[in-house]
Amino acid sequence: MEDITDRKDIELMVDTFYTSVRGDTILGPIFNGVIQDNWTTHLDTMYRFWQTVLLHEFAYKGSPFTPHRKLPIEEHHFDRWLYHFNTSMDKNFSGKIAEEAKWRASKMAQMFMYKLSNNNI
């Protein structure tokens, strides 16, 4: 396996992850309920987000927390989210940027949980 190096890798990372999430009995109903038939738009946003974060190609502008602040999510949802994220990463990539992606996802989950539990909306 190789590391994440370009937009095509980002797309594979995001597509693999969200395919797993959409089929999850815990996360799937939440994501599918909110995103409904707008998956193409959501996936494109996620491609641009991770492209900006991991490849330093500034394609995303916005606040990742804002769309999540009113969702019915708790710590066990983030644990499951991280499980799918890390499993998807390990299935497709190996290297410094792949490890950074997993680290950043973990930090993002911690930050989201902190904000949600402290009503920082």
PDB file of N, CA and C in Angstrom:
ATOM      1  N   MET A   1       0.837  -1.189   0.000  1.00  0.00           N
ATOM      2  CA  MET A   1       0.000   0.000   0.000  1.00  0.00           C
ATOM      3  C   MET A   1       0.879   1.248   0.000  1.00  0.00           C
ATOM      4  N   GLU A   2       0.358   2.270  -0.582  1.00  0.00           N
ATOM      5  CA  GLU A   2       1.080   3.530  -0.658  1.00  0.00           C
ATOM      6  C   GLU A   2       0.352   4.601   0.139  1.00  0.00           C
ATOM      7  N   ASP A   3       1.012   5.728   0.275  1.00  0.00           N
ATOM      8  CA  ASP A   3       0.468   6.849   1.031  1.00  0.00           C
ATOM      9  C   ASP A   3      -0.501   7.657   0.166  1.00  0.00           C
ATOM     10  N   ILE A   4      -1.169   8.587   0.782  1.00  0.00           N
ATOM     11  CA  ILE A   4      -2.053   9.529   0.100  1.00  0.00           C
ATOM     12  C   ILE A   4      -1.169  10.589  -0.550  1.00  0.00           C
ATOM     13  N   THR A   5      -1.350  10.785  -1.853  1.00  0.00           N
ATOM     14  CA  THR A   5      -0.495  11.751  -2.552  1.00  0.00           C
ATOM     15  C   THR A   5      -1.254  12.764  -3.394  1.00  0.00           C
ATOM     16  N   ASP A   6      -2.501  12.470  -3.757  1.00  0.00           N
ATOM     17  CA  ASP A   6      -3.202  13.379  -4.655  1.00  0.00           C
ATOM     18  C   ASP A   6      -4.719  13.307  -4.448  1.00  0.00           C
ATOM     19  N   ARG A   7      -5.425  14.078  -5.229  1.00  0.00           N
ATOM     20  CA  ARG A   7      -6.886  14.181  -5.123  1.00  0.00           C
ATOM     21  C   ARG A   7      -7.550  12.818  -5.340  1.00  0.00           C
ATOM     22  N   LYS A   8      -7.047  12.013  -6.269  1.00  0.00           N
ATOM     23  CA  LYS A   8      -7.633  10.681  -6.506  1.00  0.00           C
ATOM     24  C   LYS A   8      -7.548   9.824  -5.249  1.00  0.00           C
ATOM     25  N   ASP A   9      -6.443   9.923  -4.520  1.00  0.00           N
ATOM     26  CA  ASP A   9      -6.308   9.198  -3.252  1.00  0.00           C
ATOM     27  C   ASP A   9      -7.311   9.711  -2.229  1.00  0.00           C
ATOM     28  N   ILE A  10      -7.494  11.011  -2.182  1.00  0.00           N
ATOM     29  CA  ILE A  10      -8.478  11.610  -1.268  1.00  0.00           C
ATOM     30  C   ILE A  10      -9.868  11.072  -1.601  1.00  0.00           C
ATOM     31  N   GLU A  11     -10.195  10.999  -2.876  1.00  0.00           N
ATOM     32  CA  GLU A  11     -11.504  10.491  -3.283  1.00  0.00           C
ATOM     33  C   GLU A  11     -11.679   9.041  -2.869  1.00  0.00           C
ATOM     34  N   LEU A  12     -10.652   8.222  -3.043  1.00  0.00           N
ATOM     35  CA  LEU A  12     -10.720   6.830  -2.609  1.00  0.00           C
ATOM     36  C   LEU A  12     -10.905   6.750  -1.103  1.00  0.00           C
ATOM     37  N   MET A  13     -10.167   7.557  -0.368  1.00  0.00           N
ATOM     38  CA  MET A  13     -10.270   7.583   1.092  1.00  0.00           C
ATOM     39  C   MET A  13     -11.696   7.925   1.521  1.00  0.00           C
ATOM     40  N   VAL A  14     -12.228   9.006   0.989  1.00  0.00           N
ATOM     41  CA  VAL A  14     -13.560   9.481   1.363  1.00  0.00           C
ATOM     42  C   VAL A  14     -14.640   8.501   0.913  1.00  0.00           C
ATOM     43  N   ASP A  15     -14.543   8.009  -0.310  1.00  0.00           N
ATOM     44  CA  ASP A  15     -15.559   7.084  -0.829  1.00  0.00           C
ATOM     45  C   ASP A  15     -15.592   5.784  -0.026  1.00  0.00           C
ATOM     46  N   THR A  16     -14.420   5.250   0.292  1.00  0.00           N
ATOM     47  CA  THR A  16     -14.358   4.012   1.072  1.00  0.00           C
ATOM     48  C   THR A  16     -14.971   4.222   2.451  1.00  0.00           C
ATOM     49  N   PHE A  17     -14.600   5.327   3.078  1.00  0.00           N
ATOM     50  CA  PHE A  17     -15.115   5.644   4.410  1.00  0.00           C
ATOM     51  C   PHE A  17     -16.639   5.798   4.405  1.00  0.00           C
ATOM     52  N   TYR A  18     -17.157   6.620   3.505  1.00  0.00           N
ATOM     53  CA  TYR A  18     -18.592   6.881   3.520  1.00  0.00           C
ATOM     54  C   TYR A  18     -19.420   5.698   3.039  1.00  0.00           C
ATOM     55  N   THR A  19     -18.874   4.831   2.212  1.00  0.00           N
ATOM     56  CA  THR A  19     -19.580   3.600   1.858  1.00  0.00           C
ATOM     57  C   THR A  19     -19.780   2.766   3.111  1.00  0.00           C
ATOM     58  N   SER A  20     -18.749   2.705   3.942  1.00  0.00           N
ATOM     59  CA  SER A  20     -18.822   1.968   5.191  1.00  0.00           C
ATOM     60  C   SER A  20     -19.810   2.614   6.166  1.00  0.00           C
ATOM     61  N   VAL A  21     -19.740   3.915   6.286  1.00  0.00           N
ATOM     62  CA  VAL A  21     -20.634   4.648   7.195  1.00  0.00           C
ATOM     63  C   VAL A  21     -22.090   4.501   6.773  1.00  0.00           C
ATOM     64  N   ARG A  22     -22.351   4.617   5.493  1.00  0.00           N
ATOM     65  CA  ARG A  22     -23.731   4.545   5.008  1.00  0.00           C
ATOM     66  C   ARG A  22     -24.367   3.197   5.308  1.00  0.00           C
ATOM     67  N   GLY A  23     -23.561   2.150   5.348  1.00  0.00           N
ATOM     68  CA  GLY A  23     -24.081   0.824   5.632  1.00  0.00           C
ATOM     69  C   GLY A  23     -24.097   0.457   7.103  1.00  0.00           C
ATOM     70  N   ASP A  24     -23.575   1.331   7.949  1.00  0.00           N
ATOM     71  CA  ASP A  24     -23.514   1.065   9.382  1.00  0.00           C
ATOM     72  C   ASP A  24     -24.899   1.226  10.012  1.00  0.00           C
ATOM     73  N   THR A  25     -25.264   0.278  10.880  1.00  0.00           N
ATOM     74  CA  THR A  25     -26.597   0.312  11.486  1.00  0.00           C
ATOM     75  C   THR A  25     -26.781   1.465  12.465  1.00  0.00           C
ATOM     76  N   ILE A  26     -25.689   1.979  13.011  1.00  0.00           N
ATOM     77  CA  ILE A  26     -25.765   3.093  13.964  1.00  0.00           C
ATOM     78  C   ILE A  26     -25.633   4.433  13.249  1.00  0.00           C
ATOM     79  N   LEU A  27     -24.625   4.565  12.404  1.00  0.00           N
ATOM     80  CA  LEU A  27     -24.342   5.841  11.742  1.00  0.00           C
ATOM     81  C   LEU A  27     -25.139   6.057  10.461  1.00  0.00           C
ATOM     82  N   GLY A  28     -25.408   4.979   9.746  1.00  0.00           N
ATOM     83  CA  GLY A  28     -26.102   5.092   8.468  1.00  0.00           C
ATOM     84  C   GLY A  28     -27.401   5.877   8.531  1.00  0.00           C
ATOM     85  N   PRO A  29     -28.288   5.544   9.464  1.00  0.00           N
ATOM     86  CA  PRO A  29     -29.549   6.295   9.528  1.00  0.00           C
ATOM     87  C   PRO A  29     -29.364   7.790   9.796  1.00  0.00           C
ATOM     88  N   ILE A  30     -28.368   8.148  10.576  1.00  0.00           N
ATOM     89  CA  ILE A  30     -28.125   9.568  10.860  1.00  0.00           C
ATOM     90  C   ILE A  30     -27.633  10.276   9.604  1.00  0.00           C
ATOM     91  N   PHE A  31     -26.575   9.725   8.992  1.00  0.00           N
ATOM     92  CA  PHE A  31     -26.021  10.352   7.791  1.00  0.00           C
ATOM     93  C   PHE A  31     -27.023  10.360   6.645  1.00  0.00           C
ATOM     94  N   ASN A  32     -27.654   9.202   6.388  1.00  0.00           N
ATOM     95  CA  ASN A  32     -28.615   9.124   5.285  1.00  0.00           C
ATOM     96  C   ASN A  32     -29.821  10.021   5.532  1.00  0.00           C
ATOM     97  N   GLY A  33     -30.229  10.159   6.794  1.00  0.00           N
ATOM     98  CA  GLY A  33     -31.363  11.011   7.124  1.00  0.00           C
ATOM     99  C   GLY A  33     -31.084  12.481   6.883  1.00  0.00           C
ATOM    100  N   VAL A  34     -29.879  12.908   7.169  1.00  0.00           N
ATOM    101  CA  VAL A  34     -29.526  14.315   6.996  1.00  0.00           C
ATOM    102  C   VAL A  34     -29.147  14.614   5.546  1.00  0.00           C
ATOM    103  N   ILE A  35     -28.333  13.767   4.963  1.00  0.00           N
ATOM    104  CA  ILE A  35     -27.817  14.027   3.618  1.00  0.00           C
ATOM    105  C   ILE A  35     -28.849  13.671   2.549  1.00  0.00           C
ATOM    106  N   GLN A  36     -29.662  12.691   2.813  1.00  0.00           N
ATOM    107  CA  GLN A  36     -30.719  12.224   1.909  1.00  0.00           C
ATOM    108  C   GLN A  36     -30.152  11.938   0.518  1.00  0.00           C
ATOM    109  N   ASP A  37     -30.611  12.650  -0.503  1.00  0.00           N
ATOM    110  CA  ASP A  37     -30.129  12.379  -1.859  1.00  0.00           C
ATOM    111  C   ASP A  37     -29.048  13.372  -2.303  1.00  0.00           C
ATOM    112  N   ASN A  38     -28.417  14.027  -1.337  1.00  0.00           N
ATOM    113  CA  ASN A  38     -27.367  15.006  -1.648  1.00  0.00           C
ATOM    114  C   ASN A  38     -25.966  14.456  -1.423  1.00  0.00           C
ATOM    115  N   TRP A  39     -25.782  13.150  -1.597  1.00  0.00           N
ATOM    116  CA  TRP A  39     -24.482  12.536  -1.345  1.00  0.00           C
ATOM    117  C   TRP A  39     -23.390  13.066  -2.267  1.00  0.00           C
ATOM    118  N   THR A  40     -23.713  13.347  -3.506  1.00  0.00           N
ATOM    119  CA  THR A  40     -22.699  13.863  -4.433  1.00  0.00           C
ATOM    120  C   THR A  40     -22.125  15.176  -3.913  1.00  0.00           C
ATOM    121  N   THR A  41     -22.987  16.047  -3.460  1.00  0.00           N
ATOM    122  CA  THR A  41     -22.543  17.335  -2.917  1.00  0.00           C
ATOM    123  C   THR A  41     -21.739  17.133  -1.632  1.00  0.00           C
ATOM    124  N   HIS A  42     -22.228  16.261  -0.759  1.00  0.00           N
ATOM    125  CA  HIS A  42     -21.527  16.013   0.502  1.00  0.00           C
ATOM    126  C   HIS A  42     -20.144  15.413   0.249  1.00  0.00           C
ATOM    127  N   LEU A  43     -20.070  14.442  -0.630  1.00  0.00           N
ATOM    128  CA  LEU A  43     -18.778  13.815  -0.918  1.00  0.00           C
ATOM    129  C   LEU A  43     -17.807  14.820  -1.520  1.00  0.00           C
ATOM    130  N   ASP A  44     -18.289  15.676  -2.402  1.00  0.00           N
ATOM    131  CA  ASP A  44     -17.408  16.697  -2.974  1.00  0.00           C
ATOM    132  C   ASP A  44     -16.879  17.631  -1.894  1.00  0.00           C
ATOM    133  N   THR A  45     -17.724  17.994  -0.939  1.00  0.00           N
ATOM    134  CA  THR A  45     -17.281  18.830   0.185  1.00  0.00           C
ATOM    135  C   THR A  45     -16.203  18.105   0.990  1.00  0.00           C
ATOM    136  N   MET A  46     -16.407  16.820   1.230  1.00  0.00           N
ATOM    137  CA  MET A  46     -15.423  16.038   1.988  1.00  0.00           C
ATOM    138  C   MET A  46     -14.111  15.882   1.211  1.00  0.00           C
ATOM    139  N   TYR A  47     -14.196  15.719  -0.112  1.00  0.00           N
ATOM    140  CA  TYR A  47     -12.969  15.666  -0.920  1.00  0.00           C
ATOM    141  C   TYR A  47     -12.179  16.959  -0.734  1.00  0.00           C
ATOM    142  N   ARG A  48     -12.893  18.082  -0.854  1.00  0.00           N
ATOM    143  CA  ARG A  48     -12.219  19.383  -0.738  1.00  0.00           C
ATOM    144  C   ARG A  48     -11.675  19.620   0.666  1.00  0.00           C
ATOM    145  N   PHE A  49     -12.430  19.192   1.689  1.00  0.00           N
ATOM    146  CA  PHE A  49     -11.963  19.346   3.066  1.00  0.00           C
ATOM    147  C   PHE A  49     -10.646  18.600   3.275  1.00  0.00           C
ATOM    148  N   TRP A  50     -10.634  17.307   2.947  1.00  0.00           N
ATOM    149  CA  TRP A  50      -9.437  16.509   3.182  1.00  0.00           C
ATOM    150  C   TRP A  50      -8.295  16.891   2.238  1.00  0.00           C
ATOM    151  N   GLN A  51      -8.609  17.350   1.061  1.00  0.00           N
ATOM    152  CA  GLN A  51      -7.588  17.850   0.144  1.00  0.00           C
ATOM    153  C   GLN A  51      -6.877  19.056   0.767  1.00  0.00           C
ATOM    154  N   THR A  52      -7.642  19.914   1.397  1.00  0.00           N
ATOM    155  CA  THR A  52      -7.072  21.083   2.070  1.00  0.00           C
ATOM    156  C   THR A  52      -6.246  20.662   3.279  1.00  0.00           C
ATOM    157  N   VAL A  53      -6.806  19.788   4.110  1.00  0.00           N
ATOM    158  CA  VAL A  53      -6.143  19.383   5.352  1.00  0.00           C
ATOM    159  C   VAL A  53      -4.882  18.572   5.099  1.00  0.00           C
ATOM    160  N   LEU A  54      -4.948  17.620   4.201  1.00  0.00           N
ATOM    161  CA  LEU A  54      -3.829  16.681   4.041  1.00  0.00           C
ATOM    162  C   LEU A  54      -2.838  17.060   2.950  1.00  0.00           C
ATOM    163  N   LEU A  55      -3.325  17.683   1.886  1.00  0.00           N
ATOM    164  CA  LEU A  55      -2.436  18.000   0.763  1.00  0.00           C
ATOM    165  C   LEU A  55      -2.073  19.478   0.702  1.00  0.00           C
ATOM    166  N   HIS A  56      -2.668  20.271   1.596  1.00  0.00           N
ATOM    167  CA  HIS A  56      -2.408  21.710   1.653  1.00  0.00           C
ATOM    168  C   HIS A  56      -2.744  22.400   0.332  1.00  0.00           C
ATOM    169  N   GLU A  57      -3.760  21.866  -0.341  1.00  0.00           N
ATOM    170  CA  GLU A  57      -4.299  22.473  -1.551  1.00  0.00           C
ATOM    171  C   GLU A  57      -5.632  23.096  -1.136  1.00  0.00           C
ATOM    172  N   PHE A  58      -5.668  24.385  -1.043  1.00  0.00           N
ATOM    173  CA  PHE A  58      -6.779  25.078  -0.401  1.00  0.00           C
ATOM    174  C   PHE A  58      -8.043  25.061  -1.266  1.00  0.00           C
ATOM    175  N   ALA A  59      -8.805  23.990  -1.087  1.00  0.00           N
ATOM    176  CA  ALA A  59     -10.020  23.763  -1.856  1.00  0.00           C
ATOM    177  C   ALA A  59     -11.280  23.887  -0.999  1.00  0.00           C
ATOM    178  N   TYR A  60     -11.121  23.935   0.318  1.00  0.00           N
ATOM    179  CA  TYR A  60     -12.259  23.963   1.240  1.00  0.00           C
ATOM    180  C   TYR A  60     -12.217  25.236   2.063  1.00  0.00           C
ATOM    181  N   LYS A  61     -13.403  25.798   2.248  1.00  0.00           N
ATOM    182  CA  LYS A  61     -13.543  26.956   3.123  1.00  0.00           C
ATOM    183  C   LYS A  61     -14.811  26.752   3.922  1.00  0.00           C
ATOM    184  N   GLY A  62     -14.704  26.877   5.218  1.00  0.00           N
ATOM    185  CA  GLY A  62     -15.891  26.709   6.045  1.00  0.00           C
ATOM    186  C   GLY A  62     -15.533  26.221   7.427  1.00  0.00           C
ATOM    187  N   SER A  63     -16.563  25.885   8.186  1.00  0.00           N
ATOM    188  CA  SER A  63     -16.405  25.386   9.536  1.00  0.00           C
ATOM    189  C   SER A  63     -16.974  23.975   9.601  1.00  0.00           C
ATOM    190  N   PRO A  64     -16.126  22.965   9.791  1.00  0.00           N
ATOM    191  CA  PRO A  64     -16.631  21.596   9.799  1.00  0.00           C
ATOM    192  C   PRO A  64     -17.613  21.302  10.924  1.00  0.00           C
ATOM    193  N   PHE A  65     -17.515  22.009  12.029  1.00  0.00           N
ATOM    194  CA  PHE A  65     -18.388  21.706  13.167  1.00  0.00           C
ATOM    195  C   PHE A  65     -19.825  22.155  12.937  1.00  0.00           C
ATOM    196  N   THR A  66     -20.010  23.277  12.305  1.00  0.00           N
ATOM    197  CA  THR A  66     -21.329  23.902  12.175  1.00  0.00           C
ATOM    198  C   THR A  66     -22.416  22.948  11.679  1.00  0.00           C
ATOM    199  N   PRO A  67     -22.204  22.185  10.612  1.00  0.00           N
ATOM    200  CA  PRO A  67     -23.291  21.300  10.156  1.00  0.00           C
ATOM    201  C   PRO A  67     -23.606  20.147  11.117  1.00  0.00           C
ATOM    202  N   HIS A  68     -22.739  19.883  12.059  1.00  0.00           N
ATOM    203  CA  HIS A  68     -22.898  18.740  12.960  1.00  0.00           C
ATOM    204  C   HIS A  68     -23.489  19.104  14.319  1.00  0.00           C
ATOM    205  N   ARG A  69     -23.538  20.362  14.632  1.00  0.00           N
ATOM    206  CA  ARG A  69     -23.873  20.767  15.999  1.00  0.00           C
ATOM    207  C   ARG A  69     -25.278  20.422  16.443  1.00  0.00           C
ATOM    208  N   LYS A  70     -26.205  20.224  15.531  1.00  0.00           N
ATOM    209  CA  LYS A  70     -27.581  19.910  15.927  1.00  0.00           C
ATOM    210  C   LYS A  70     -27.945  18.454  15.684  1.00  0.00           C
ATOM    211  N   LEU A  71     -26.970  17.644  15.340  1.00  0.00           N
ATOM    212  CA  LEU A  71     -27.245  16.225  15.100  1.00  0.00           C
ATOM    213  C   LEU A  71     -27.382  15.467  16.418  1.00  0.00           C
ATOM    214  N   PRO A  72     -28.177  14.412  16.409  1.00  0.00           N
ATOM    215  CA  PRO A  72     -28.337  13.596  17.620  1.00  0.00           C
ATOM    216  C   PRO A  72     -27.159  12.616  17.767  1.00  0.00           C
ATOM    217  N   ILE A  73     -25.994  13.157  18.091  1.00  0.00           N
ATOM    218  CA  ILE A  73     -24.789  12.329  18.174  1.00  0.00           C
ATOM    219  C   ILE A  73     -24.139  12.442  19.546  1.00  0.00           C
ATOM    220  N   GLU A  74     -23.583  11.314  19.963  1.00  0.00           N
ATOM    221  CA  GLU A  74     -22.932  11.215  21.262  1.00  0.00           C
ATOM    222  C   GLU A  74     -21.594  10.514  21.088  1.00  0.00           C
ATOM    223  N   GLU A  75     -20.927  10.277  22.200  1.00  0.00           N
ATOM    224  CA  GLU A  75     -19.579   9.708  22.149  1.00  0.00           C
ATOM    225  C   GLU A  75     -19.517   8.377  21.395  1.00  0.00           C
ATOM    226  N   HIS A  76     -20.500   7.508  21.599  1.00  0.00           N
ATOM    227  CA  HIS A  76     -20.448   6.217  20.907  1.00  0.00           C
ATOM    228  C   HIS A  76     -20.548   6.366  19.389  1.00  0.00           C
ATOM    229  N   HIS A  77     -21.191   7.430  18.923  1.00  0.00           N
ATOM    230  CA  HIS A  77     -21.234   7.684  17.485  1.00  0.00           C
ATOM    231  C   HIS A  77     -19.836   8.041  16.974  1.00  0.00           C
ATOM    232  N   PHE A  78     -19.108   8.837  17.738  1.00  0.00           N
ATOM    233  CA  PHE A  78     -17.750   9.209  17.326  1.00  0.00           C
ATOM    234  C   PHE A  78     -16.808   8.013  17.378  1.00  0.00           C
ATOM    235  N   ASP A  79     -16.999   7.154  18.360  1.00  0.00           N
ATOM    236  CA  ASP A  79     -16.190   5.934  18.424  1.00  0.00           C
ATOM    237  C   ASP A  79     -16.410   5.093  17.169  1.00  0.00           C
ATOM    238  N   ARG A  80     -17.639   4.968  16.770  1.00  0.00           N
ATOM    239  CA  ARG A  80     -17.981   4.188  15.578  1.00  0.00           C
ATOM    240  C   ARG A  80     -17.455   4.878  14.323  1.00  0.00           C
ATOM    241  N   TRP A  81     -17.575   6.195  14.261  1.00  0.00           N
ATOM    242  CA  TRP A  81     -17.077   6.999  13.139  1.00  0.00           C
ATOM    243  C   TRP A  81     -15.575   6.786  12.987  1.00  0.00           C
ATOM    244  N   LEU A  82     -14.858   6.844  14.096  1.00  0.00           N
ATOM    245  CA  LEU A  82     -13.402   6.645  14.056  1.00  0.00           C
ATOM    246  C   LEU A  82     -13.039   5.216  13.652  1.00  0.00           C
ATOM    247  N   TYR A  83     -13.824   4.259  14.114  1.00  0.00           N
ATOM    248  CA  TYR A  83     -13.589   2.869  13.712  1.00  0.00           C
ATOM    249  C   TYR A  83     -13.647   2.756  12.181  1.00  0.00           C
ATOM    250  N   HIS A  84     -14.696   3.293  11.594  1.00  0.00           N
ATOM    251  CA  HIS A  84     -14.839   3.224  10.132  1.00  0.00           C
ATOM    252  C   HIS A  84     -13.744   4.022   9.433  1.00  0.00           C
ATOM    253  N   PHE A  85     -13.408   5.175   9.982  1.00  0.00           N
ATOM    254  CA  PHE A  85     -12.373   5.992   9.354  1.00  0.00           C
ATOM    255  C   PHE A  85     -11.040   5.249   9.351  1.00  0.00           C
ATOM    256  N   ASN A  86     -10.636   4.765  10.502  1.00  0.00           N
ATOM    257  CA  ASN A  86      -9.344   4.088  10.609  1.00  0.00           C
ATOM    258  C   ASN A  86      -9.304   2.792   9.805  1.00  0.00           C
ATOM    259  N   THR A  87     -10.390   2.049   9.815  1.00  0.00           N
ATOM    260  CA  THR A  87     -10.454   0.817   9.033  1.00  0.00           C
ATOM    261  C   THR A  87     -10.340   1.118   7.537  1.00  0.00           C
ATOM    262  N   SER A  88     -11.033   2.153   7.099  1.00  0.00           N
ATOM    263  CA  SER A  88     -10.964   2.549   5.687  1.00  0.00           C
ATOM    264  C   SER A  88      -9.564   2.993   5.302  1.00  0.00           C
ATOM    265  N   MET A  89      -8.931   3.738   6.191  1.00  0.00           N
ATOM    266  CA  MET A  89      -7.565   4.186   5.917  1.00  0.00           C
ATOM    267  C   MET A  89      -6.621   3.002   5.830  1.00  0.00           C
ATOM    268  N   ASP A  90      -6.683   2.119   6.807  1.00  0.00           N
ATOM    269  CA  ASP A  90      -5.774   0.970   6.855  1.00  0.00           C
ATOM    270  C   ASP A  90      -5.987   0.016   5.682  1.00  0.00           C
ATOM    271  N   LYS A  91      -7.180  -0.004   5.155  1.00  0.00           N
ATOM    272  CA  LYS A  91      -7.502  -0.867   4.018  1.00  0.00           C
ATOM    273  C   LYS A  91      -6.837  -0.378   2.730  1.00  0.00           C
ATOM    274  N   ASN A  92      -6.603   0.932   2.623  1.00  0.00           N
ATOM    275  CA  ASN A  92      -6.154   1.510   1.360  1.00  0.00           C
ATOM    276  C   ASN A  92      -4.791   2.197   1.374  1.00  0.00           C
ATOM    277  N   PHE A  93      -4.334   2.632   2.545  1.00  0.00           N
ATOM    278  CA  PHE A  93      -3.144   3.483   2.570  1.00  0.00           C
ATOM    279  C   PHE A  93      -2.195   3.129   3.704  1.00  0.00           C
ATOM    280  N   SER A  94      -0.950   3.509   3.491  1.00  0.00           N
ATOM    281  CA  SER A  94       0.072   3.369   4.519  1.00  0.00           C
ATOM    282  C   SER A  94       1.094   4.471   4.293  1.00  0.00           C
ATOM    283  N   GLY A  95       1.438   5.176   5.366  1.00  0.00           N
ATOM    284  CA  GLY A  95       2.437   6.222   5.230  1.00  0.00           C
ATOM    285  C   GLY A  95       2.165   7.408   6.134  1.00  0.00           C
ATOM    286  N   LYS A  96       3.006   8.392   6.005  1.00  0.00           N
ATOM    287  CA  LYS A  96       2.972   9.568   6.870  1.00  0.00           C
ATOM    288  C   LYS A  96       1.643  10.339   6.763  1.00  0.00           C
ATOM    289  N   ILE A  97       1.182  10.576   5.546  1.00  0.00           N
ATOM    290  CA  ILE A  97      -0.053  11.346   5.378  1.00  0.00           C
ATOM    291  C   ILE A  97      -1.256  10.529   5.830  1.00  0.00           C
ATOM    292  N   ALA A  98      -1.238   9.223   5.587  1.00  0.00           N
ATOM    293  CA  ALA A  98      -2.329   8.366   6.065  1.00  0.00           C
ATOM    294  C   ALA A  98      -2.401   8.393   7.589  1.00  0.00           C
ATOM    295  N   GLU A  99      -1.259   8.350   8.236  1.00  0.00           N
ATOM    296  CA  GLU A  99      -1.238   8.423   9.705  1.00  0.00           C
ATOM    297  C   GLU A  99      -1.697   9.788  10.183  1.00  0.00           C
ATOM    298  N   GLU A 100      -1.331  10.840   9.451  1.00  0.00           N
ATOM    299  CA  GLU A 100      -1.789  12.183   9.806  1.00  0.00           C
ATOM    300  C   GLU A 100      -3.311  12.274   9.678  1.00  0.00           C
ATOM    301  N   ALA A 101      -3.864  11.648   8.659  1.00  0.00           N
ATOM    302  CA  ALA A 101      -5.322  11.660   8.480  1.00  0.00           C
ATOM    303  C   ALA A 101      -6.011  11.021   9.677  1.00  0.00           C
ATOM    304  N   LYS A 102      -5.501   9.896  10.127  1.00  0.00           N
ATOM    305  CA  LYS A 102      -6.102   9.220  11.288  1.00  0.00           C
ATOM    306  C   LYS A 102      -5.952  10.079  12.547  1.00  0.00           C
ATOM    307  N   TRP A 103      -4.811  10.708  12.712  1.00  0.00           N
ATOM    308  CA  TRP A 103      -4.586  11.585  13.869  1.00  0.00           C
ATOM    309  C   TRP A 103      -5.552  12.771  13.828  1.00  0.00           C
ATOM    310  N   ARG A 104      -5.675  13.374  12.652  1.00  0.00           N
ATOM    311  CA  ARG A 104      -6.570  14.532  12.525  1.00  0.00           C
ATOM    312  C   ARG A 104      -8.034  14.141  12.749  1.00  0.00           C
ATOM    313  N   ALA A 105      -8.431  12.990  12.262  1.00  0.00           N
ATOM    314  CA  ALA A 105      -9.802  12.522  12.490  1.00  0.00           C
ATOM    315  C   ALA A 105     -10.057  12.324  13.984  1.00  0.00           C
ATOM    316  N   SER A 106      -9.081  11.764  14.679  1.00  0.00           N
ATOM    317  CA  SER A 106      -9.210  11.560  16.117  1.00  0.00           C
ATOM    318  C   SER A 106      -9.342  12.896  16.850  1.00  0.00           C
ATOM    319  N   LYS A 107      -8.511  13.854  16.480  1.00  0.00           N
ATOM    320  CA  LYS A 107      -8.578  15.180  17.104  1.00  0.00           C
ATOM    321  C   LYS A 107      -9.896  15.878  16.778  1.00  0.00           C
ATOM    322  N   MET A 108     -10.376  15.705  15.566  1.00  0.00           N
ATOM    323  CA  MET A 108     -11.642  16.307  15.168  1.00  0.00           C
ATOM    324  C   MET A 108     -12.783  15.713  15.993  1.00  0.00           C
ATOM    325  N   ALA A 109     -12.786  14.403  16.165  1.00  0.00           N
ATOM    326  CA  ALA A 109     -13.821  13.759  16.980  1.00  0.00           C
ATOM    327  C   ALA A 109     -13.772  14.284  18.415  1.00  0.00           C
ATOM    328  N   GLN A 110     -12.580  14.424  18.976  1.00  0.00           N
ATOM    329  CA  GLN A 110     -12.442  14.954  20.341  1.00  0.00           C
ATOM    330  C   GLN A 110     -12.972  16.374  20.426  1.00  0.00           C
ATOM    331  N   MET A 111     -12.633  17.197  19.448  1.00  0.00           N
ATOM    332  CA  MET A 111     -13.075  18.586  19.457  1.00  0.00           C
ATOM    333  C   MET A 111     -14.592  18.681  19.299  1.00  0.00           C
ATOM    334  N   PHE A 112     -15.157  17.890  18.395  1.00  0.00           N
ATOM    335  CA  PHE A 112     -16.606  17.901  18.214  1.00  0.00           C
ATOM    336  C   PHE A 112     -17.303  17.469  19.498  1.00  0.00           C
ATOM    337  N   MET A 113     -16.814  16.404  20.116  1.00  0.00           N
ATOM    338  CA  MET A 113     -17.428  15.923  21.357  1.00  0.00           C
ATOM    339  C   MET A 113     -17.333  16.982  22.451  1.00  0.00           C
ATOM    340  N   TYR A 114     -16.209  17.617  22.567  1.00  0.00           N
ATOM    341  CA  TYR A 114     -16.039  18.669  23.567  1.00  0.00           C
ATOM    342  C   TYR A 114     -17.054  19.784  23.338  1.00  0.00           C
ATOM    343  N   LYS A 115     -17.158  20.241  22.110  1.00  0.00           N
ATOM    344  CA  LYS A 115     -18.092  21.328  21.801  1.00  0.00           C
ATOM    345  C   LYS A 115     -19.541  20.905  22.045  1.00  0.00           C
ATOM    346  N   LEU A 116     -19.863  19.689  21.651  1.00  0.00           N
ATOM    347  CA  LEU A 116     -21.244  19.216  21.838  1.00  0.00           C
ATOM    348  C   LEU A 116     -21.575  19.040  23.314  1.00  0.00           C
ATOM    349  N   SER A 117     -20.641  18.528  24.100  1.00  0.00           N
ATOM    350  CA  SER A 117     -20.912  18.283  25.505  1.00  0.00           C
ATOM    351  C   SER A 117     -20.905  19.564  26.332  1.00  0.00           C
ATOM    352  N   ASN A 118     -20.320  20.598  25.807  1.00  0.00           N
ATOM    353  CA  ASN A 118     -20.284  21.887  26.513  1.00  0.00           C
ATOM    354  C   ASN A 118     -21.206  22.914  25.876  1.00  0.00           C
ATOM    355  N   ASN A 119     -22.062  22.440  24.992  1.00  0.00           N
ATOM    356  CA  ASN A 119     -23.020  23.321  24.317  1.00  0.00           C
ATOM    357  C   ASN A 119     -22.352  24.523  23.652  1.00  0.00           C
ATOM    358  N   ASN A 120     -21.170  24.307  23.105  1.00  0.00           N
ATOM    359  CA  ASN A 120     -20.444  25.372  22.408  1.00  0.00           C
ATOM    360  C   ASN A 120     -20.901  25.433  20.961  1.00  0.00           C
ATOM    361  N   ILE A 121     -22.084  25.949  20.760  1.00  0.00           N
ATOM    362  CA  ILE A 121     -22.614  25.996  19.396  1.00  0.00           C
ATOM    363  C   ILE A 121     -22.725  27.371  18.859  1.00  0.00           C
TER     364      ILE A 121
END
